[in-house]
Amino acid sequence: ILQLEWQRTVRAWIYSDVADFIAIRSESFAKFPCMSEPTIAQRDREWGLVAKKLLSDKTPTLFIVGSVHTVGPGSFIEQLEAGGFRLNFIG
């Protein structure tokens, strides 16, 4: 099962399938809430605070994060956008 989930994630990444990434994130939170909260949601909150601090001085900054941290409610990307930051995606 783990191999199938990994293949699905890689496929979603290759094809830029944002809808599937959101589904993968939601499924992960539903299946493994005690793991998903600290490894995904808490990290996104912590990174969001650090990123806002770094970006506030207007220095060009590059963030590289795992795909699951870029989609869904409370994601790293959503937090930056809610903070008023304009993001440029390179891909």
C-alpha atoms as a PDB file:
ATOM      1  CA  ILE A   1       0.000   0.000   0.000  1.00  0.00           C
ATOM      2  CA  LEU A   2       2.793   2.430   0.847  1.00  0.00           C
ATOM      3  CA  GLN A   3       4.361   1.895  -2.569  1.00  0.00           C
ATOM      4  CA  LEU A   4       1.019   2.654  -4.275  1.00  0.00           C
ATOM      5  CA  GLU A   5       0.620   5.841  -2.249  1.00  0.00           C
ATOM      6  CA  TRP A   6       4.156   6.899  -3.103  1.00  0.00           C
ATOM      7  CA  GLN A   7       3.528   6.231  -6.821  1.00  0.00           C
ATOM      8  CA  ARG A   8       0.337   8.279  -6.646  1.00  0.00           C
ATOM      9  CA  THR A   9       2.202  11.179  -5.036  1.00  0.00           C
ATOM     10  CA  VAL A  10       4.962  11.057  -7.630  1.00  0.00           C
ATOM     11  CA  ARG A  11       2.392  10.907 -10.445  1.00  0.00           C
ATOM     12  CA  ALA A  12       0.547  13.931  -9.011  1.00  0.00           C
ATOM     13  CA  TRP A  13       3.852  15.802  -8.802  1.00  0.00           C
ATOM     14  CA  ILE A  14       4.908  14.941 -12.369  1.00  0.00           C
ATOM     15  CA  TYR A  15       1.548  16.022 -13.799  1.00  0.00           C
ATOM     16  CA  SER A  16       1.104  19.025 -11.464  1.00  0.00           C
ATOM     17  CA  ASP A  17      -2.185  17.523 -10.318  1.00  0.00           C
ATOM     18  CA  VAL A  18      -3.076  19.983  -7.563  1.00  0.00           C
ATOM     19  CA  ALA A  19      -6.487  18.398  -6.988  1.00  0.00           C
ATOM     20  CA  ASP A  20      -4.877  15.041  -6.266  1.00  0.00           C
ATOM     21  CA  PHE A  21      -2.295  16.644  -3.970  1.00  0.00           C
ATOM     22  CA  ILE A  22      -5.129  18.191  -1.979  1.00  0.00           C
ATOM     23  CA  ALA A  23      -6.842  14.792  -1.833  1.00  0.00           C
ATOM     24  CA  ILE A  24      -3.602  13.088  -0.736  1.00  0.00           C
ATOM     25  CA  ARG A  25      -3.147  15.654   2.035  1.00  0.00           C
ATOM     26  CA  SER A  26      -6.766  15.271   3.205  1.00  0.00           C
ATOM     27  CA  GLU A  27      -6.533  11.482   3.160  1.00  0.00           C
ATOM     28  CA  SER A  28      -3.284  11.585   5.123  1.00  0.00           C
ATOM     29  CA  PHE A  29      -4.857  13.772   7.806  1.00  0.00           C
ATOM     30  CA  ALA A  30      -7.882  11.466   8.007  1.00  0.00           C
ATOM     31  CA  LYS A  31      -5.869   8.211   8.137  1.00  0.00           C
ATOM     32  CA  PHE A  32      -3.036   9.361  10.384  1.00  0.00           C
ATOM     33  CA  PRO A  33      -4.085  12.456  12.351  1.00  0.00           C
ATOM     34  CA  CYS A  34      -1.501  11.941  15.112  1.00  0.00           C
ATOM     35  CA  MET A  35       1.272  11.849  12.487  1.00  0.00           C
ATOM     36  CA  SER A  36      -0.072  14.397  10.017  1.00  0.00           C
ATOM     37  CA  GLU A  37      -0.619  17.149  12.556  1.00  0.00           C
ATOM     38  CA  PRO A  38       3.017  17.371  13.730  1.00  0.00           C
ATOM     39  CA  THR A  39       4.703  16.453  10.444  1.00  0.00           C
ATOM     40  CA  ILE A  40       2.611  18.566   8.091  1.00  0.00           C
ATOM     41  CA  ALA A  41       0.295  21.068   9.792  1.00  0.00           C
ATOM     42  CA  GLN A  42       2.597  22.071  12.647  1.00  0.00           C
ATOM     43  CA  ARG A  43       5.563  22.385  10.304  1.00  0.00           C
ATOM     44  CA  ASP A  44       3.533  24.593   7.962  1.00  0.00           C
ATOM     45  CA  ARG A  45       2.583  26.894  10.853  1.00  0.00           C
ATOM     46  CA  GLU A  46       6.169  27.104  12.083  1.00  0.00           C
ATOM     47  CA  TRP A  47       7.613  27.629   8.606  1.00  0.00           C
ATOM     48  CA  GLY A  48       4.953  30.250   7.878  1.00  0.00           C
ATOM     49  CA  LEU A  49       6.045  32.324  10.862  1.00  0.00           C
ATOM     50  CA  VAL A  50       9.725  32.057   9.949  1.00  0.00           C
ATOM     51  CA  ALA A  51       9.064  32.790   6.272  1.00  0.00           C
ATOM     52  CA  LYS A  52       6.999  35.901   7.061  1.00  0.00           C
ATOM     53  CA  LYS A  53       9.893  37.188   9.161  1.00  0.00           C
ATOM     54  CA  LEU A  54      12.439  36.519   6.407  1.00  0.00           C
ATOM     55  CA  LEU A  55      10.258  38.038   3.699  1.00  0.00           C
ATOM     56  CA  SER A  56       9.415  41.172   5.651  1.00  0.00           C
ATOM     57  CA  ASP A  57      12.835  42.675   4.900  1.00  0.00           C
ATOM     58  CA  LYS A  58      12.169  42.444   1.102  1.00  0.00           C
ATOM     59  CA  THR A  59      15.218  40.274   0.433  1.00  0.00           C
ATOM     60  CA  PRO A  60      14.586  37.884  -2.479  1.00  0.00           C
ATOM     61  CA  THR A  61      14.031  34.509  -0.876  1.00  0.00           C
ATOM     62  CA  LEU A  62      13.677  30.991  -2.244  1.00  0.00           C
ATOM     63  CA  PHE A  63      11.708  28.363  -0.338  1.00  0.00           C
ATOM     64  CA  ILE A  64      11.789  24.728  -1.351  1.00  0.00           C
ATOM     65  CA  VAL A  65       9.192  22.580   0.382  1.00  0.00           C
ATOM     66  CA  GLY A  66       7.609  19.200  -0.191  1.00  0.00           C
ATOM     67  CA  SER A  67       4.552  19.114  -2.412  1.00  0.00           C
ATOM     68  CA  VAL A  68       2.077  18.281   0.351  1.00  0.00           C
ATOM     69  CA  HIS A  69       3.072  21.529   2.103  1.00  0.00           C
ATOM     70  CA  THR A  70       1.930  23.580  -0.898  1.00  0.00           C
ATOM     71  CA  VAL A  71      -1.776  22.703  -1.027  1.00  0.00           C
ATOM     72  CA  GLY A  72      -4.807  22.546   1.184  1.00  0.00           C
ATOM     73  CA  PRO A  73      -6.118  24.473   4.146  1.00  0.00           C
ATOM     74  CA  GLY A  74      -3.402  25.881   6.371  1.00  0.00           C
ATOM     75  CA  SER A  75      -0.631  24.961   3.941  1.00  0.00           C
ATOM     76  CA  PHE A  76       2.634  26.865   3.891  1.00  0.00           C
ATOM     77  CA  ILE A  77       1.573  28.570   0.660  1.00  0.00           C
ATOM     78  CA  GLU A  78      -1.862  29.510   2.008  1.00  0.00           C
ATOM     79  CA  GLN A  79      -0.272  31.055   5.087  1.00  0.00           C
ATOM     80  CA  LEU A  80       2.063  33.222   3.018  1.00  0.00           C
ATOM     81  CA  GLU A  81      -0.745  34.358   0.735  1.00  0.00           C
ATOM     82  CA  ALA A  82      -2.929  35.175   3.750  1.00  0.00           C
ATOM     83  CA  GLY A  83      -0.018  37.261   5.053  1.00  0.00           C
ATOM     84  CA  GLY A  84      -0.221  39.366   1.891  1.00  0.00           C
ATOM     85  CA  PHE A  85       2.805  37.943   0.115  1.00  0.00           C
ATOM     86  CA  ARG A  86       2.851  37.526  -3.663  1.00  0.00           C
ATOM     87  CA  LEU A  87       4.399  34.238  -4.701  1.00  0.00           C
ATOM     88  CA  ASN A  88       6.139  33.249  -7.919  1.00  0.00           C
ATOM     89  CA  PHE A  89       6.207  29.564  -8.751  1.00  0.00           C
ATOM     90  CA  ILE A  90       9.020  28.085 -10.766  1.00  0.00           C
ATOM     91  CA  GLY A  91       8.380  24.705 -12.241  1.00  0.00           C
END
